[in-house]
Amino acid sequence: MDRALYVAMSGATQTMRAQAVNNNNIANAGTVGFRAEIAALQAAPVNGPGEPTRVNALAADGGWDATSGALQPTGNPLDVALRDNAWLAVQGPDGKEAYTRAGDLRLNALGQLSNGAGHLVLSDGGAPLSVPPNASITIGGDGTVSIVPLGQGPATQATVARLKVVDAQPAQLQRGADGLMRATPGAKLQAASGNVLASGMLESSNVNLPQAMVSMIELARQFELQVKMMKTVEDNATASQSVMRMS
């Protein structure tokens, strides 16, 4: 295979992967607590015999954007926005502990606290947090969940449990395919203390939508350029074959 064709093909493939990451960010611009994924194209040498005159484009994993999203008041006592570098512990699809910034909490049919994505919220004991039948429920700044039991007056409050919230720097977390964060190997996350959240508020996605739209256009142009390069290589090959037949 002509090396120029291989380089163009590789560039088009990697550009499509970067476009998929960017499109996923755009699709989640309205997702609560979403952290934008970063994809960057970098040059990689072409291995093999010959002079190093060509390089491949490689879509490298650039990690994720750790900046916080905007806070939006909702007035819902079950909505919580976490402070910077604080992460809410939830049960992932694999049954193991994972972390999220999505604080759109609600009670499911079994009385368990979950977020909008359906992930069960964990208590500071590590088990899914269940809430008994109640007249009202509140979440304190330190993550304490309190209720007014059924049949009791508003002056009577009972503490149910405390949300498990951990402090984690970006380098201590890795993003999973399900969008949840998990501790990097060897990282030991400590429980967050003090006022770790604000109730009645939600953190929006940190996706910069205008920038993501510009990136989408740029990646589309890069893909088009790679396709044109493949067509040029094909035309050159056809012309070369014609010259050979004439000879």
C-alpha atoms as a PDB file:
ATOM      1  CA  MET A   1       0.000   0.000   0.000  1.00  0.00           C
ATOM      2  CA  ASP A   2       1.302   3.464  -0.865  1.00  0.00           C
ATOM      3  CA  ARG A   3       2.525   5.168   2.297  1.00  0.00           C
ATOM      4  CA  ALA A   4       0.736   8.424   1.482  1.00  0.00           C
ATOM      5  CA  LEU A   5      -2.534   6.517   1.185  1.00  0.00           C
ATOM      6  CA  TYR A   6      -1.893   4.793   4.503  1.00  0.00           C
ATOM      7  CA  VAL A   7      -1.122   8.105   6.226  1.00  0.00           C
ATOM      8  CA  ALA A   8      -4.274   9.704   4.819  1.00  0.00           C
ATOM      9  CA  MET A   9      -6.405   6.717   5.803  1.00  0.00           C
ATOM     10  CA  SER A  10      -4.982   6.714   9.339  1.00  0.00           C
ATOM     11  CA  GLY A  11      -5.555  10.456   9.637  1.00  0.00           C
ATOM     12  CA  ALA A  12      -9.179  10.125   8.535  1.00  0.00           C
ATOM     13  CA  THR A  13      -9.787   7.282  11.019  1.00  0.00           C
ATOM     14  CA  GLN A  14      -8.300   9.190  13.940  1.00  0.00           C
ATOM     15  CA  THR A  15     -10.188  12.348  12.987  1.00  0.00           C
ATOM     16  CA  MET A  16     -13.435  10.371  13.095  1.00  0.00           C
ATOM     17  CA  ARG A  17     -12.572   9.205  16.613  1.00  0.00           C
ATOM     18  CA  ALA A  18     -11.878  12.765  17.738  1.00  0.00           C
ATOM     19  CA  GLN A  19     -15.161  13.834  16.149  1.00  0.00           C
ATOM     20  CA  ALA A  20     -17.016  11.122  18.094  1.00  0.00           C
ATOM     21  CA  VAL A  21     -15.582  12.465  21.366  1.00  0.00           C
ATOM     22  CA  ASN A  22     -16.527  16.019  20.437  1.00  0.00           C
ATOM     23  CA  ASN A  23     -20.036  14.966  19.399  1.00  0.00           C
ATOM     24  CA  ASN A  24     -20.502  13.192  22.721  1.00  0.00           C
ATOM     25  CA  ASN A  25     -19.572  16.423  24.516  1.00  0.00           C
ATOM     26  CA  ILE A  26     -22.117  18.359  22.468  1.00  0.00           C
ATOM     27  CA  ALA A  27     -24.804  15.746  23.190  1.00  0.00           C
ATOM     28  CA  ASN A  28     -24.147  16.129  26.933  1.00  0.00           C
ATOM     29  CA  ALA A  29     -24.066  19.920  27.028  1.00  0.00           C
ATOM     30  CA  GLY A  30     -27.296  19.782  29.046  1.00  0.00           C
ATOM     31  CA  THR A  31     -26.332  16.852  31.294  1.00  0.00           C
ATOM     32  CA  VAL A  32     -26.078  17.708  34.991  1.00  0.00           C
ATOM     33  CA  GLY A  33     -22.501  17.634  36.313  1.00  0.00           C
ATOM     34  CA  PHE A  34     -21.032  16.381  33.017  1.00  0.00           C
ATOM     35  CA  ARG A  35     -17.283  16.781  32.522  1.00  0.00           C
ATOM     36  CA  ALA A  36     -16.188  17.315  28.928  1.00  0.00           C
ATOM     37  CA  GLU A  37     -13.845  14.720  27.468  1.00  0.00           C
ATOM     38  CA  ILE A  38     -10.711  15.969  25.724  1.00  0.00           C
ATOM     39  CA  ALA A  39      -9.346  14.436  22.529  1.00  0.00           C
ATOM     40  CA  ALA A  40      -6.187  15.738  20.885  1.00  0.00           C
ATOM     41  CA  LEU A  41      -4.577  14.769  17.595  1.00  0.00           C
ATOM     42  CA  GLN A  42      -0.826  14.247  17.781  1.00  0.00           C
ATOM     43  CA  ALA A  43       1.848  13.171  15.337  1.00  0.00           C
ATOM     44  CA  ALA A  44       3.209   9.621  15.476  1.00  0.00           C
ATOM     45  CA  PRO A  45       6.099   8.331  13.324  1.00  0.00           C
ATOM     46  CA  VAL A  46       5.421   5.730  10.634  1.00  0.00           C
ATOM     47  CA  ASN A  47       7.422   2.624  11.526  1.00  0.00           C
ATOM     48  CA  GLY A  48       9.103   0.648   8.798  1.00  0.00           C
ATOM     49  CA  PRO A  49      11.887   0.821   6.215  1.00  0.00           C
ATOM     50  CA  GLY A  50      12.657   4.021   4.377  1.00  0.00           C
ATOM     51  CA  GLU A  51      13.200   7.641   5.290  1.00  0.00           C
ATOM     52  CA  PRO A  52      11.031   9.120   8.092  1.00  0.00           C
ATOM     53  CA  THR A  53       9.289  11.521   5.742  1.00  0.00           C
ATOM     54  CA  ARG A  54       5.732  10.766   6.823  1.00  0.00           C
ATOM     55  CA  VAL A  55       3.887  10.782  10.149  1.00  0.00           C
ATOM     56  CA  ASN A  56       0.542   9.410  11.239  1.00  0.00           C
ATOM     57  CA  ALA A  57      -2.143  11.369  13.045  1.00  0.00           C
ATOM     58  CA  LEU A  58      -3.071   9.768  16.366  1.00  0.00           C
ATOM     59  CA  ALA A  59      -6.128  10.681  18.459  1.00  0.00           C
ATOM     60  CA  ALA A  60      -4.650  10.698  21.948  1.00  0.00           C
ATOM     61  CA  ASP A  61      -6.681  10.529  25.136  1.00  0.00           C
ATOM     62  CA  GLY A  62      -6.418  14.023  26.571  1.00  0.00           C
ATOM     63  CA  GLY A  63      -8.318  13.161  29.736  1.00  0.00           C
ATOM     64  CA  TRP A  64     -11.227  15.331  30.811  1.00  0.00           C
ATOM     65  CA  ASP A  65     -11.914  18.954  31.603  1.00  0.00           C
ATOM     66  CA  ALA A  66     -11.805  19.440  35.383  1.00  0.00           C
ATOM     67  CA  THR A  67     -13.297  22.946  35.440  1.00  0.00           C
ATOM     68  CA  SER A  68     -16.591  23.343  37.291  1.00  0.00           C
ATOM     69  CA  GLY A  69     -19.872  24.030  35.565  1.00  0.00           C
ATOM     70  CA  ALA A  70     -22.216  26.893  36.412  1.00  0.00           C
ATOM     71  CA  LEU A  71     -24.474  26.564  39.458  1.00  0.00           C
ATOM     72  CA  GLN A  72     -28.197  26.785  38.832  1.00  0.00           C
ATOM     73  CA  PRO A  73     -30.749  27.227  41.644  1.00  0.00           C
ATOM     74  CA  THR A  74     -33.674  24.815  41.441  1.00  0.00           C
ATOM     75  CA  GLY A  75     -35.415  25.070  44.806  1.00  0.00           C
ATOM     76  CA  ASN A  76     -35.665  21.270  44.936  1.00  0.00           C
ATOM     77  CA  PRO A  77     -34.402  20.079  48.355  1.00  0.00           C
ATOM     78  CA  LEU A  78     -33.042  16.872  46.781  1.00  0.00           C
ATOM     79  CA  ASP A  79     -30.876  18.706  44.252  1.00  0.00           C
ATOM     80  CA  VAL A  80     -27.300  19.166  45.445  1.00  0.00           C
ATOM     81  CA  ALA A  81     -24.273  20.916  43.947  1.00  0.00           C
ATOM     82  CA  LEU A  82     -20.901  19.793  45.240  1.00  0.00           C
ATOM     83  CA  ARG A  83     -17.965  22.043  46.047  1.00  0.00           C
ATOM     84  CA  ASP A  84     -14.822  21.970  43.906  1.00  0.00           C
ATOM     85  CA  ASN A  85     -12.952  18.635  43.926  1.00  0.00           C
ATOM     86  CA  ALA A  86     -15.781  16.962  45.878  1.00  0.00           C
ATOM     87  CA  TRP A  87     -17.397  13.906  44.293  1.00  0.00           C
ATOM     88  CA  LEU A  88     -20.568  12.022  45.192  1.00  0.00           C
ATOM     89  CA  ALA A  89     -20.127   8.267  45.615  1.00  0.00           C
ATOM     90  CA  VAL A  90     -22.601   6.104  43.698  1.00  0.00           C
ATOM     91  CA  GLN A  91     -22.936   2.455  42.770  1.00  0.00           C
ATOM     92  CA  GLY A  92     -21.785   1.886  39.197  1.00  0.00           C
ATOM     93  CA  PRO A  93     -23.372  -0.566  36.743  1.00  0.00           C
ATOM     94  CA  ASP A  94     -20.724  -3.091  37.771  1.00  0.00           C
ATOM     95  CA  GLY A  95     -21.838  -2.828  41.416  1.00  0.00           C
ATOM     96  CA  LYS A  96     -18.615  -1.111  42.460  1.00  0.00           C
ATOM     97  CA  GLU A  97     -18.112   2.354  43.878  1.00  0.00           C
ATOM     98  CA  ALA A  98     -17.843   5.193  41.384  1.00  0.00           C
ATOM     99  CA  TYR A  99     -18.033   8.972  41.547  1.00  0.00           C
ATOM    100  CA  THR A 100     -20.075  11.676  39.882  1.00  0.00           C
ATOM    101  CA  ARG A 101     -20.922  15.365  40.069  1.00  0.00           C
ATOM    102  CA  ALA A 102     -24.539  14.768  39.055  1.00  0.00           C
ATOM    103  CA  GLY A 103     -26.532  15.776  42.128  1.00  0.00           C
ATOM    104  CA  ASP A 104     -30.057  15.548  40.707  1.00  0.00           C
ATOM    105  CA  LEU A 105     -31.195  13.159  43.442  1.00  0.00           C
ATOM    106  CA  ARG A 106     -34.557  11.456  43.837  1.00  0.00           C
ATOM    107  CA  LEU A 107     -36.191   8.536  45.634  1.00  0.00           C
ATOM    108  CA  ASN A 108     -36.937   5.429  43.620  1.00  0.00           C
ATOM    109  CA  ALA A 109     -39.845   3.040  44.175  1.00  0.00           C
ATOM    110  CA  LEU A 110     -37.850   1.127  46.814  1.00  0.00           C
ATOM    111  CA  GLY A 111     -37.119   4.247  48.846  1.00  0.00           C
ATOM    112  CA  GLN A 112     -33.484   4.335  47.736  1.00  0.00           C
ATOM    113  CA  LEU A 113     -31.755   7.578  46.855  1.00  0.00           C
ATOM    114  CA  SER A 114     -30.483   7.718  43.278  1.00  0.00           C
ATOM    115  CA  ASN A 115     -29.481  10.383  40.788  1.00  0.00           C
ATOM    116  CA  GLY A 116     -31.057  11.242  37.455  1.00  0.00           C
ATOM    117  CA  ALA A 117     -28.992   8.602  35.664  1.00  0.00           C
ATOM    118  CA  GLY A 118     -30.368   5.904  37.980  1.00  0.00           C
ATOM    119  CA  HIS A 119     -27.147   5.309  39.913  1.00  0.00           C
ATOM    120  CA  LEU A 120     -27.785   4.451  43.558  1.00  0.00           C
ATOM    121  CA  VAL A 121     -26.252   6.965  45.973  1.00  0.00           C
ATOM    122  CA  LEU A 122     -24.000   5.502  48.662  1.00  0.00           C
ATOM    123  CA  SER A 123     -24.004   6.410  52.341  1.00  0.00           C
ATOM    124  CA  ASP A 124     -20.786   7.071  54.241  1.00  0.00           C
ATOM    125  CA  GLY A 125     -20.945   3.405  55.246  1.00  0.00           C
ATOM    126  CA  GLY A 126     -20.570   2.349  51.609  1.00  0.00           C
ATOM    127  CA  ALA A 127     -24.066   0.872  51.143  1.00  0.00           C
ATOM    128  CA  PRO A 128     -26.910   2.286  49.022  1.00  0.00           C
ATOM    129  CA  LEU A 129     -28.764   4.913  51.020  1.00  0.00           C
ATOM    130  CA  SER A 130     -32.393   4.061  51.847  1.00  0.00           C
ATOM    131  CA  VAL A 131     -34.862   6.607  53.203  1.00  0.00           C
ATOM    132  CA  PRO A 132     -37.859   5.578  55.362  1.00  0.00           C
ATOM    133  CA  PRO A 133     -41.343   6.909  54.553  1.00  0.00           C
ATOM    134  CA  ASN A 134     -41.434  10.581  55.465  1.00  0.00           C
ATOM    135  CA  ALA A 135     -43.365  13.807  55.292  1.00  0.00           C
ATOM    136  CA  SER A 136     -40.313  15.776  54.100  1.00  0.00           C
ATOM    137  CA  ILE A 137     -36.622  15.296  53.484  1.00  0.00           C
ATOM    138  CA  THR A 138     -33.664  17.666  53.650  1.00  0.00           C
ATOM    139  CA  ILE A 139     -29.948  17.375  52.881  1.00  0.00           C
ATOM    140  CA  GLY A 140     -27.542  19.408  54.979  1.00  0.00           C
ATOM    141  CA  GLY A 141     -24.374  21.089  53.786  1.00  0.00           C
ATOM    142  CA  ASP A 142     -22.275  18.273  55.256  1.00  0.00           C
ATOM    143  CA  GLY A 143     -24.315  15.667  53.336  1.00  0.00           C
ATOM    144  CA  THR A 144     -26.500  14.607  56.263  1.00  0.00           C
ATOM    145  CA  VAL A 145     -29.907  13.332  55.121  1.00  0.00           C
ATOM    146  CA  SER A 146     -32.722  14.169  57.561  1.00  0.00           C
ATOM    147  CA  ILE A 147     -36.442  13.487  57.426  1.00  0.00           C
ATOM    148  CA  VAL A 148     -39.638  14.391  59.215  1.00  0.00           C
ATOM    149  CA  PRO A 149     -41.230  10.976  59.892  1.00  0.00           C
ATOM    150  CA  LEU A 150     -44.783  10.366  58.791  1.00  0.00           C
ATOM    151  CA  GLY A 151     -47.285  11.468  61.404  1.00  0.00           C
ATOM    152  CA  GLN A 152     -44.782  13.811  63.096  1.00  0.00           C
ATOM    153  CA  GLY A 153     -44.712  17.585  63.197  1.00  0.00           C
ATOM    154  CA  PRO A 154     -42.136  19.692  61.302  1.00  0.00           C
ATOM    155  CA  ALA A 155     -40.237  20.251  64.560  1.00  0.00           C
ATOM    156  CA  THR A 156     -39.424  16.542  64.736  1.00  0.00           C
ATOM    157  CA  GLN A 157     -36.477  15.539  62.602  1.00  0.00           C
ATOM    158  CA  ALA A 158     -34.606  12.268  62.364  1.00  0.00           C
ATOM    159  CA  THR A 159     -31.191  11.751  60.799  1.00  0.00           C
ATOM    160  CA  VAL A 160     -31.177   8.911  58.278  1.00  0.00           C
ATOM    161  CA  ALA A 161     -27.577   8.783  57.049  1.00  0.00           C
ATOM    162  CA  ARG A 162     -24.883  10.868  55.433  1.00  0.00           C
ATOM    163  CA  LEU A 163     -24.028  10.967  51.754  1.00  0.00           C
ATOM    164  CA  LYS A 164     -20.609   9.589  50.921  1.00  0.00           C
ATOM    165  CA  VAL A 165     -18.634  12.458  49.429  1.00  0.00           C
ATOM    166  CA  VAL A 166     -14.898  12.210  48.723  1.00  0.00           C
ATOM    167  CA  ASP A 167     -12.227  14.768  47.936  1.00  0.00           C
ATOM    168  CA  ALA A 168     -10.349  13.931  44.752  1.00  0.00           C
ATOM    169  CA  GLN A 169      -7.921  15.803  42.528  1.00  0.00           C
ATOM    170  CA  PRO A 170      -8.258  15.265  38.749  1.00  0.00           C
ATOM    171  CA  ALA A 171      -5.102  13.141  38.696  1.00  0.00           C
ATOM    172  CA  GLN A 172      -6.699  10.737  41.193  1.00  0.00           C
ATOM    173  CA  LEU A 173      -9.664   9.929  38.948  1.00  0.00           C
ATOM    174  CA  GLN A 174     -10.069   8.179  35.637  1.00  0.00           C
ATOM    175  CA  ARG A 175     -13.119   8.315  33.433  1.00  0.00           C
ATOM    176  CA  GLY A 176     -15.005   5.134  32.598  1.00  0.00           C
ATOM    177  CA  ALA A 177     -16.886   4.324  29.407  1.00  0.00           C
ATOM    178  CA  ASP A 178     -20.123   4.820  31.371  1.00  0.00           C
ATOM    179  CA  GLY A 179     -19.198   8.441  32.152  1.00  0.00           C
ATOM    180  CA  LEU A 180     -18.550   7.748  35.841  1.00  0.00           C
ATOM    181  CA  MET A 181     -15.228   8.445  37.521  1.00  0.00           C
ATOM    182  CA  ARG A 182     -13.223   5.861  39.417  1.00  0.00           C
ATOM    183  CA  ALA A 183     -10.091   6.099  41.511  1.00  0.00           C
ATOM    184  CA  THR A 184      -6.849   5.582  39.609  1.00  0.00           C
ATOM    185  CA  PRO A 185      -4.822   2.531  40.672  1.00  0.00           C
ATOM    186  CA  GLY A 186      -3.095   3.221  43.957  1.00  0.00           C
ATOM    187  CA  ALA A 187      -5.079   6.381  44.720  1.00  0.00           C
ATOM    188  CA  LYS A 188      -6.660   6.589  48.170  1.00  0.00           C
ATOM    189  CA  LEU A 189      -9.552   9.016  48.254  1.00  0.00           C
ATOM    190  CA  GLN A 190     -10.364  10.670  51.557  1.00  0.00           C
ATOM    191  CA  ALA A 191     -13.856  11.504  52.795  1.00  0.00           C
ATOM    192  CA  ALA A 192     -14.711  15.173  52.318  1.00  0.00           C
ATOM    193  CA  SER A 193     -15.413  17.106  55.511  1.00  0.00           C
ATOM    194  CA  GLY A 194     -17.226  20.319  56.360  1.00  0.00           C
ATOM    195  CA  ASN A 195     -19.727  21.894  54.002  1.00  0.00           C
ATOM    196  CA  VAL A 196     -19.331  19.734  50.924  1.00  0.00           C
ATOM    197  CA  LEU A 197     -22.504  20.672  49.047  1.00  0.00           C
ATOM    198  CA  ALA A 198     -25.273  23.203  48.586  1.00  0.00           C
ATOM    199  CA  SER A 199     -28.853  21.904  48.445  1.00  0.00           C
ATOM    200  CA  GLY A 200     -31.473  23.310  46.117  1.00  0.00           C
ATOM    201  CA  MET A 201     -28.887  23.805  43.355  1.00  0.00           C
ATOM    202  CA  LEU A 202     -27.405  21.851  40.471  1.00  0.00           C
ATOM    203  CA  GLU A 203     -24.120  22.087  38.621  1.00  0.00           C
ATOM    204  CA  SER A 204     -24.525  22.295  34.871  1.00  0.00           C
ATOM    205  CA  SER A 205     -22.297  20.620  32.297  1.00  0.00           C
ATOM    206  CA  ASN A 206     -18.921  22.286  31.792  1.00  0.00           C
ATOM    207  CA  VAL A 207     -19.039  21.795  28.008  1.00  0.00           C
ATOM    208  CA  ASN A 208     -18.182  25.019  26.150  1.00  0.00           C
ATOM    209  CA  LEU A 209     -20.808  24.637  23.451  1.00  0.00           C
ATOM    210  CA  PRO A 210     -19.560  27.388  21.077  1.00  0.00           C
ATOM    211  CA  GLN A 211     -16.025  25.968  21.226  1.00  0.00           C
ATOM    212  CA  ALA A 212     -17.334  22.439  20.699  1.00  0.00           C
ATOM    213  CA  MET A 213     -19.228  23.585  17.588  1.00  0.00           C
ATOM    214  CA  VAL A 214     -16.070  25.236  16.214  1.00  0.00           C
ATOM    215  CA  SER A 215     -14.129  22.018  16.878  1.00  0.00           C
ATOM    216  CA  MET A 216     -16.778  20.031  15.043  1.00  0.00           C
ATOM    217  CA  ILE A 217     -16.331  22.205  11.943  1.00  0.00           C
ATOM    218  CA  GLU A 218     -12.532  22.018  12.150  1.00  0.00           C
ATOM    219  CA  LEU A 219     -12.573  18.231  12.466  1.00  0.00           C
ATOM    220  CA  ALA A 220     -14.989  17.932   9.542  1.00  0.00           C
ATOM    221  CA  ARG A 221     -12.596  19.985   7.390  1.00  0.00           C
ATOM    222  CA  GLN A 222      -9.649  17.850   8.487  1.00  0.00           C
ATOM    223  CA  PHE A 223     -11.546  14.694   7.539  1.00  0.00           C
ATOM    224  CA  GLU A 224     -12.424  16.172   4.150  1.00  0.00           C
ATOM    225  CA  LEU A 225      -8.750  17.024   3.577  1.00  0.00           C
ATOM    226  CA  GLN A 226      -7.696  13.443   4.360  1.00  0.00           C
ATOM    227  CA  VAL A 227     -10.302  12.057   1.948  1.00  0.00           C
ATOM    228  CA  LYS A 228      -9.098  14.411  -0.786  1.00  0.00           C
ATOM    229  CA  MET A 229      -5.554  13.203  -0.160  1.00  0.00           C
ATOM    230  CA  MET A 230      -6.666   9.597  -0.627  1.00  0.00           C
ATOM    231  CA  LYS A 231      -8.350  10.568  -3.905  1.00  0.00           C
ATOM    232  CA  THR A 232      -5.157  12.310  -5.060  1.00  0.00           C
ATOM    233  CA  VAL A 233      -3.125   9.170  -4.338  1.00  0.00           C
ATOM    234  CA  GLU A 234      -5.644   7.128  -6.314  1.00  0.00           C
ATOM    235  CA  ASP A 235      -5.458   9.548  -9.263  1.00  0.00           C
ATOM    236  CA  ASN A 236      -1.650   9.415  -9.197  1.00  0.00           C
ATOM    237  CA  ALA A 237      -1.729   5.615  -9.196  1.00  0.00           C
ATOM    238  CA  THR A 238      -4.134   5.607 -12.149  1.00  0.00           C
ATOM    239  CA  ALA A 239      -1.932   8.028 -14.078  1.00  0.00           C
ATOM    240  CA  SER A 240       1.156   5.934 -13.353  1.00  0.00           C
ATOM    241  CA  GLN A 241      -0.577   2.813 -14.652  1.00  0.00           C
ATOM    242  CA  SER A 242      -1.506   4.637 -17.853  1.00  0.00           C
ATOM    243  CA  VAL A 243       2.113   5.652 -18.411  1.00  0.00           C
ATOM    244  CA  MET A 244       3.221   2.062 -17.853  1.00  0.00           C
ATOM    245  CA  ARG A 245       0.712   0.765 -20.413  1.00  0.00           C
ATOM    246  CA  MET A 246       1.902   3.355 -22.958  1.00  0.00           C
ATOM    247  CA  SER A 247       5.493   2.241 -22.381  1.00  0.00           C
END
